[in-house]
C-alpha atoms as a PDB file:
ATOM      1  CA  MET A   1      40.485 -44.036  80.512  1.00  0.00           C
ATOM      2  CA  SER A   2      36.949 -45.503  81.036  1.00  0.00           C
ATOM      3  CA  THR A   3      35.085 -48.235  79.150  1.00  0.00           C
ATOM      4  CA  LYS A   4      32.310 -45.992  78.493  1.00  0.00           C
ATOM      5  CA  GLU A   5      30.326 -46.538  75.167  1.00  0.00           C
ATOM      6  CA  PHE A   6      29.852 -43.657  73.180  1.00  0.00           C
ATOM      7  CA  GLY A   7      27.219 -42.347  70.737  1.00  0.00           C
ATOM      8  CA  TYR A   8      24.183 -44.122  72.013  1.00  0.00           C
ATOM      9  CA  ILE A   9      22.454 -44.768  75.177  1.00  0.00           C
ATOM     10  CA  PRO A  10      22.523 -47.453  76.837  1.00  0.00           C
ATOM     11  CA  GLU A  11      24.420 -49.089  74.040  1.00  0.00           C
ATOM     12  CA  SER A  12      26.787 -48.272  70.679  1.00  0.00           C
ATOM     13  CA  PRO A  13      28.536 -49.945  67.983  1.00  0.00           C
ATOM     14  CA  ASN A  14      31.865 -50.314  67.765  1.00  0.00           C
ATOM     15  CA  GLN A  15      33.868 -46.912  67.415  1.00  0.00           C
ATOM     16  CA  SER A  16      36.685 -46.814  65.224  1.00  0.00           C
ATOM     17  CA  PHE A  17      38.737 -44.274  62.953  1.00  0.00           C
ATOM     18  CA  SER A  18      36.617 -43.759  59.557  1.00  0.00           C
ATOM     19  CA  ASN A  19      33.704 -45.091  61.328  1.00  0.00           C
ATOM     20  CA  ASN A  20      31.820 -43.179  63.883  1.00  0.00           C
ATOM     21  CA  ASN A  21      28.066 -43.286  64.672  1.00  0.00           C
ATOM     22  CA  GLY A  22      25.664 -41.517  67.027  1.00  0.00           C
ATOM     23  CA  ILE A  23      25.387 -38.645  68.706  1.00  0.00           C
ATOM     24  CA  PHE A  24      28.679 -37.371  70.431  1.00  0.00           C
ATOM     25  CA  THR A  25      29.211 -35.314  73.890  1.00  0.00           C
ATOM     26  CA  PRO A  26      32.203 -33.450  73.945  1.00  0.00           C
ATOM     27  CA  THR A  27      33.065 -35.796  76.255  1.00  0.00           C
ATOM     28  CA  ASP A  28      32.193 -38.803  73.992  1.00  0.00           C
ATOM     29  CA  ILE A  29      34.647 -37.026  71.580  1.00  0.00           C
ATOM     30  CA  TYR A  30      37.704 -36.122  73.762  1.00  0.00           C
ATOM     31  CA  ASP A  31      37.891 -39.795  74.682  1.00  0.00           C
ATOM     32  CA  LEU A  32      37.623 -41.248  71.324  1.00  0.00           C
ATOM     33  CA  ASP A  33      40.153 -38.379  70.580  1.00  0.00           C
ATOM     34  CA  ARG A  34      42.482 -39.853  73.168  1.00  0.00           C
ATOM     35  CA  ALA A  35      41.795 -43.582  72.122  1.00  0.00           C
ATOM     36  CA  ASN A  36      42.486 -42.624  68.090  1.00  0.00           C
ATOM     37  CA  LYS A  37      38.997 -43.656  67.414  1.00  0.00           C
ATOM     38  CA  TRP A  38      37.431 -40.156  66.499  1.00  0.00           C
ATOM     39  CA  THR A  39      37.368 -39.605  62.688  1.00  0.00           C
ATOM     40  CA  ASN A  40      39.768 -36.315  62.132  1.00  0.00           C
ATOM     41  CA  TYR A  41      40.964 -36.864  58.470  1.00  0.00           C
ATOM     42  CA  GLY A  42      44.516 -34.923  57.887  1.00  0.00           C
ATOM     43  CA  GLN A  43      45.427 -35.134  61.605  1.00  0.00           C
ATOM     44  CA  LEU A  44      49.262 -35.031  62.233  1.00  0.00           C
ATOM     45  CA  GLU A  45      49.714 -38.042  64.640  1.00  0.00           C
ATOM     46  CA  HIS A  46      53.452 -37.925  66.282  1.00  0.00           C
ATOM     47  CA  ILE A  47      55.505 -41.545  65.822  1.00  0.00           C
ATOM     48  CA  GLN A  48      58.879 -40.215  66.995  1.00  0.00           C
ATOM     49  CA  THR A  49      61.227 -37.298  67.909  1.00  0.00           C
ATOM     50  CA  GLN A  50      65.125 -38.115  68.062  1.00  0.00           C
ATOM     51  CA  THR A  51      67.777 -35.325  69.046  1.00  0.00           C
ATOM     52  CA  ILE A  52      71.470 -35.604  68.411  1.00  0.00           C
ATOM     53  CA  THR A  53      73.668 -33.352  70.603  1.00  0.00           C
ATOM     54  CA  SER A  54      77.230 -34.685  69.968  1.00  0.00           C
ATOM     55  CA  SER A  55      78.867 -35.869  66.686  1.00  0.00           C
ATOM     56  CA  THR A  56      76.488 -39.213  65.684  1.00  0.00           C
ATOM     57  CA  ALA A  57      76.944 -40.815  62.707  1.00  0.00           C
ATOM     58  CA  ASN A  58      72.975 -40.605  61.619  1.00  0.00           C
ATOM     59  CA  MET A  59      69.596 -40.752  62.735  1.00  0.00           C
ATOM     60  CA  ILE A  60      67.291 -43.331  61.606  1.00  0.00           C
ATOM     61  CA  PHE A  61      63.272 -43.662  62.080  1.00  0.00           C
ATOM     62  CA  SER A  62      63.511 -47.500  62.198  1.00  0.00           C
ATOM     63  CA  ASP A  63      59.400 -47.705  62.661  1.00  0.00           C
ATOM     64  CA  ILE A  64      57.829 -45.280  60.674  1.00  0.00           C
ATOM     65  CA  ARG A  65      54.443 -47.311  60.743  1.00  0.00           C
ATOM     66  CA  GLU A  66      54.491 -47.315  56.730  1.00  0.00           C
ATOM     67  CA  THR A  67      51.169 -49.338  56.456  1.00  0.00           C
ATOM     68  CA  GLU A  68      49.148 -47.033  58.730  1.00  0.00           C
ATOM     69  CA  TYR A  69      49.686 -43.889  56.542  1.00  0.00           C
ATOM     70  CA  LYS A  70      50.313 -43.034  53.009  1.00  0.00           C
ATOM     71  CA  ILE A  71      51.849 -39.457  53.749  1.00  0.00           C
ATOM     72  CA  HIS A  72      54.246 -38.641  56.389  1.00  0.00           C
ATOM     73  CA  PHE A  73      55.621 -35.144  57.647  1.00  0.00           C
ATOM     74  CA  LEU A  74      59.257 -34.968  58.938  1.00  0.00           C
ATOM     75  CA  THR A  75      60.161 -32.103  60.447  1.00  0.00           C
ATOM     76  CA  TYR A  76      63.974 -31.027  61.695  1.00  0.00           C
ATOM     77  CA  SER A  77      65.883 -28.237  63.271  1.00  0.00           C
ATOM     78  CA  ASN A  78      69.241 -27.569  64.651  1.00  0.00           C
ATOM     79  CA  TYR A  79      71.239 -29.150  61.917  1.00  0.00           C
ATOM     80  CA  GLY A  80      74.543 -28.790  62.653  1.00  0.00           C
ATOM     81  CA  CYS A  81      77.500 -29.849  61.100  1.00  0.00           C
ATOM     82  CA  PRO A  82      81.364 -30.394  62.375  1.00  0.00           C
ATOM     83  CA  VAL A  83      82.895 -28.336  59.067  1.00  0.00           C
ATOM     84  CA  ASP A  84      81.546 -25.889  56.533  1.00  0.00           C
ATOM     85  CA  ASN A  85      79.800 -27.164  53.382  1.00  0.00           C
ATOM     86  CA  ARG A  86      78.206 -29.973  54.812  1.00  0.00           C
ATOM     87  CA  ARG A  87      74.465 -30.485  53.869  1.00  0.00           C
ATOM     88  CA  LEU A  88      71.504 -32.484  55.739  1.00  0.00           C
ATOM     89  CA  VAL A  89      70.465 -35.517  53.422  1.00  0.00           C
ATOM     90  CA  MET A  90      68.118 -38.830  53.403  1.00  0.00           C
ATOM     91  CA  ARG A  91      68.048 -42.599  52.394  1.00  0.00           C
ATOM     92  CA  PHE A  92      65.165 -44.769  52.465  1.00  0.00           C
ATOM     93  CA  PHE A  93      65.142 -48.595  53.590  1.00  0.00           C
ATOM     94  CA  GLU A  94      63.288 -50.966  51.663  1.00  0.00           C
ATOM     95  CA  SER A  95      61.743 -54.298  53.455  1.00  0.00           C
ATOM     96  CA  GLY A  96      64.823 -53.257  56.272  1.00  0.00           C
ATOM     97  CA  VAL A  97      67.551 -52.684  53.445  1.00  0.00           C
ATOM     98  CA  GLU A  98      69.216 -49.405  53.181  1.00  0.00           C
ATOM     99  CA  ALA A  99      68.782 -48.372  49.079  1.00  0.00           C
ATOM    100  CA  THR A 100      72.274 -46.365  48.096  1.00  0.00           C
ATOM    101  CA  SER A 101      70.887 -45.880  44.609  1.00  0.00           C
ATOM    102  CA  ASN A 102      68.296 -44.679  42.223  1.00  0.00           C
ATOM    103  CA  TYR A 103      67.383 -41.439  44.106  1.00  0.00           C
ATOM    104  CA  ARG A 104      66.227 -38.646  41.717  1.00  0.00           C
ATOM    105  CA  TYR A 105      65.756 -34.901  42.906  1.00  0.00           C
ATOM    106  CA  GLY A 106      65.470 -31.574  41.814  1.00  0.00           C
ATOM    107  CA  GLY A 107      64.777 -27.974  43.147  1.00  0.00           C
ATOM    108  CA  ASN A 108      65.966 -24.558  43.405  1.00  0.00           C
ATOM    109  CA  ASN A 109      68.370 -22.933  46.183  1.00  0.00           C
ATOM    110  CA  ALA A 110      67.467 -19.431  46.435  1.00  0.00           C
ATOM    111  CA  ARG A 111      70.043 -17.257  48.040  1.00  0.00           C
ATOM    112  CA  THR A 112      70.970 -13.837  49.189  1.00  0.00           C
ATOM    113  CA  ASP A 113      73.650 -13.801  46.126  1.00  0.00           C
ATOM    114  CA  GLY A 114      71.034 -15.261  43.257  1.00  0.00           C
ATOM    115  CA  ASN A 115      68.745 -17.989  42.433  1.00  0.00           C
ATOM    116  CA  PHE A 116      70.569 -21.643  41.590  1.00  0.00           C
ATOM    117  CA  GLU A 117      68.780 -24.938  40.192  1.00  0.00           C
ATOM    118  CA  THR A 118      70.367 -27.839  42.157  1.00  0.00           C
ATOM    119  CA  GLY A 119      69.348 -31.788  40.821  1.00  0.00           C
ATOM    120  CA  SER A 120      70.274 -34.891  39.994  1.00  0.00           C
ATOM    121  CA  ASN A 121      69.302 -38.051  37.623  1.00  0.00           C
ATOM    122  CA  GLY A 122      70.582 -41.212  39.508  1.00  0.00           C
ATOM    123  CA  THR A 123      72.491 -40.489  42.879  1.00  0.00           C
ATOM    124  CA  SER A 124      73.073 -42.132  46.444  1.00  0.00           C
ATOM    125  CA  SER A 125      70.937 -39.609  48.479  1.00  0.00           C
ATOM    126  CA  LEU A 126      67.957 -37.355  48.471  1.00  0.00           C
ATOM    127  CA  HIS A 127      69.074 -33.784  48.893  1.00  0.00           C
ATOM    128  CA  LEU A 128      67.580 -31.830  51.438  1.00  0.00           C
ATOM    129  CA  GLY A 129      68.975 -29.122  53.422  1.00  0.00           C
ATOM    130  CA  ILE A 130      72.048 -26.098  52.912  1.00  0.00           C
ATOM    131  CA  ASN A 131      75.570 -26.286  52.583  1.00  0.00           C
ATOM    132  CA  GLY A 132      75.531 -25.137  55.850  1.00  0.00           C
ATOM    133  CA  ASP A 133      78.141 -22.929  58.298  1.00  0.00           C
ATOM    134  CA  ILE A 134      79.414 -24.221  61.549  1.00  0.00           C
ATOM    135  CA  ASP A 135      78.379 -20.923  63.207  1.00  0.00           C
ATOM    136  CA  ALA A 136      75.880 -22.643  65.770  1.00  0.00           C
ATOM    137  CA  ASN A 137      73.746 -19.191  65.603  1.00  0.00           C
ATOM    138  CA  VAL A 138      72.790 -20.651  61.712  1.00  0.00           C
ATOM    139  CA  ARG A 139      71.414 -23.784  62.235  1.00  0.00           C
ATOM    140  CA  ASP A 140      69.337 -25.335  59.026  1.00  0.00           C
ATOM    141  CA  ASN A 141      65.946 -26.289  59.774  1.00  0.00           C
ATOM    142  CA  GLY A 142      63.093 -27.628  57.745  1.00  0.00           C
ATOM    143  CA  TYR A 143      60.352 -29.757  56.861  1.00  0.00           C
ATOM    144  CA  ILE A 144      59.709 -32.755  54.849  1.00  0.00           C
ATOM    145  CA  TYR A 145      56.408 -34.506  53.323  1.00  0.00           C
ATOM    146  CA  ILE A 146      57.241 -38.020  51.955  1.00  0.00           C
ATOM    147  CA  TYR A 147      54.551 -39.742  50.067  1.00  0.00           C
ATOM    148  CA  ASN A 148      53.690 -43.606  49.147  1.00  0.00           C
ATOM    149  CA  ALA A 149      56.469 -45.020  51.557  1.00  0.00           C
ATOM    150  CA  GLY A 150      54.020 -48.413  52.462  1.00  0.00           C
ATOM    151  CA  ASP A 151      52.792 -48.836  48.862  1.00  0.00           C
ATOM    152  CA  PHE A 152      55.070 -51.297  47.140  1.00  0.00           C
ATOM    153  CA  THR A 153      53.642 -50.434  43.687  1.00  0.00           C
ATOM    154  CA  LYS A 154      54.730 -47.214  43.888  1.00  0.00           C
ATOM    155  CA  TYR A 155      58.113 -45.030  43.947  1.00  0.00           C
ATOM    156  CA  THR A 156      58.427 -43.236  47.427  1.00  0.00           C
ATOM    157  CA  MET A 157      58.392 -39.146  47.121  1.00  0.00           C
ATOM    158  CA  TYR A 158      59.117 -36.354  48.693  1.00  0.00           C
ATOM    159  CA  ASN A 159      59.291 -32.640  48.801  1.00  0.00           C
ATOM    160  CA  ALA A 160      60.631 -30.363  51.203  1.00  0.00           C
ATOM    161  CA  HIS A 161      61.605 -26.653  52.168  1.00  0.00           C
ATOM    162  CA  THR A 162      64.778 -26.159  54.310  1.00  0.00           C
ATOM    163  CA  THR A 163      66.335 -23.033  55.274  1.00  0.00           C
ATOM    164  CA  GLY A 164      69.556 -21.642  56.555  1.00  0.00           C
ATOM    165  CA  MET A 165      72.931 -20.064  55.904  1.00  0.00           C
ATOM    166  CA  PHE A 166      75.191 -21.029  52.828  1.00  0.00           C
ATOM    167  CA  GLN A 167      78.292 -21.823  54.079  1.00  0.00           C
ATOM    168  CA  THR A 168      79.181 -18.434  55.523  1.00  0.00           C
ATOM    169  CA  THR A 169      76.514 -16.193  57.288  1.00  0.00           C
ATOM    170  CA  SER A 170      76.388 -13.409  54.995  1.00  0.00           C
ATOM    171  CA  LYS A 171      74.515 -15.909  52.887  1.00  0.00           C
ATOM    172  CA  PHE A 172      71.094 -16.937  53.419  1.00  0.00           C
ATOM    173  CA  ALA A 173      69.379 -19.605  51.464  1.00  0.00           C
ATOM    174  CA  SER A 174      66.371 -21.050  51.036  1.00  0.00           C
ATOM    175  CA  ILE A 175      65.642 -24.473  48.966  1.00  0.00           C
ATOM    176  CA  PHE A 176      62.733 -25.942  47.411  1.00  0.00           C
ATOM    177  CA  ILE A 177      63.195 -29.111  46.387  1.00  0.00           C
ATOM    178  CA  GLY A 178      61.516 -33.004  45.697  1.00  0.00           C
ATOM    179  CA  GLY A 179      62.452 -36.208  44.389  1.00  0.00           C
ATOM    180  CA  ASN A 180      61.667 -39.833  44.571  1.00  0.00           C
ATOM    181  CA  LEU A 181      63.633 -43.258  45.237  1.00  0.00           C
ATOM    182  CA  SER A 182      63.027 -44.889  41.645  1.00  0.00           C
ATOM    183  CA  ASN A 183      61.812 -48.427  42.662  1.00  0.00           C
ATOM    184  CA  GLU A 184      58.304 -49.612  43.173  1.00  0.00           C
ATOM    185  CA  SER A 185      59.138 -51.161  46.755  1.00  0.00           C
ATOM    186  CA  GLN A 186      58.016 -50.562  49.951  1.00  0.00           C
ATOM    187  CA  VAL A 187      59.777 -48.265  52.382  1.00  0.00           C
ATOM    188  CA  ASP A 188      59.973 -48.566  56.136  1.00  0.00           C
ATOM    189  CA  GLN A 189      62.621 -46.667  57.509  1.00  0.00           C
ATOM    190  CA  ILE A 190      64.387 -43.203  56.881  1.00  0.00           C
ATOM    191  CA  LYS A 191      67.780 -42.360  57.274  1.00  0.00           C
ATOM    192  CA  LEU A 192      69.292 -38.746  58.002  1.00  0.00           C
ATOM    193  CA  PHE A 193      72.728 -37.855  57.816  1.00  0.00           C
ATOM    194  CA  SER A 194      75.577 -35.476  56.690  1.00  0.00           C
ATOM    195  CA  SER A 195      76.834 -35.529  53.231  1.00  0.00           C
ATOM    196  CA  THR A 196      80.078 -35.889  54.545  1.00  0.00           C
ATOM    197  CA  ASP A 197      81.176 -35.946  58.243  1.00  0.00           C
ATOM    198  CA  ASN A 198      78.923 -36.951  61.008  1.00  0.00           C
ATOM    199  CA  ILE A 199      76.179 -34.686  62.084  1.00  0.00           C
ATOM    200  CA  ALA A 200      77.381 -32.577  65.155  1.00  0.00           C
ATOM    201  CA  THR A 201      73.095 -31.419  66.453  1.00  0.00           C
ATOM    202  CA  LEU A 202      70.000 -31.909  64.779  1.00  0.00           C
ATOM    203  CA  THR A 203      66.362 -32.725  66.196  1.00  0.00           C
ATOM    204  CA  ALA A 204      63.842 -34.207  63.605  1.00  0.00           C
ATOM    205  CA  SER A 205      60.191 -35.351  64.507  1.00  0.00           C
ATOM    206  CA  LEU A 206      57.982 -37.708  62.392  1.00  0.00           C
ATOM    207  CA  TYR A 207      54.403 -37.609  61.978  1.00  0.00           C
ATOM    208  CA  GLY A 208      51.962 -39.676  59.974  1.00  0.00           C
ATOM    209  CA  ILE A 209      48.805 -37.705  58.616  1.00  0.00           C
ATOM    210  CA  ARG A 210      45.551 -39.282  58.242  1.00  0.00           C
ATOM    211  CA  THR A 211      44.118 -39.518  54.991  1.00  0.00           C
ATOM    212  CA  TYR A 212      40.627 -40.366  53.742  1.00  0.00           C
ATOM    213  CA  THR A 213      41.699 -43.872  51.880  1.00  0.00           C
END
């Protein structure tokens, strides 16, 4: 990409995200956007995509750029478990150390055979998905918003929506759920794993969301 100036002729101020000045041509905006200097609040910025295609213990996002984003968005698809009745769960790392306690969550599991509440006031991981079926045609899918990961003065919170088949292919389920890590700490890694056993298949993508402050 060229080193051209943006916004003024012949000389422009130093452009940066949240501090764009001048009159811009469409080409200016395109080049600034590619350089991540164009102000566009709410945009998704891709951090990493990972895929599991055979039995694996977990998936860890080890560089979440927590100081850049107040909100992260994680979307996953094709979660498969090696046996029936396993769900996808999540943990956080605090300054490089995996947190194995002090999680809370609550939500609603809407299934074709009824509605069920789910929750815990103190557990070792955060509930995400459906207690799934090993059938390859009914994998679990969902998305997760994560808040305040980089702020050591706040709890890291999440909310998620997931869909899949509950244990047998006759029971469709949709879970709306949220919770937190009940510590004031800086979260710098995210771990996805099965409630029991390994992950058979999974694709997940992590994004940061640009915010105003």
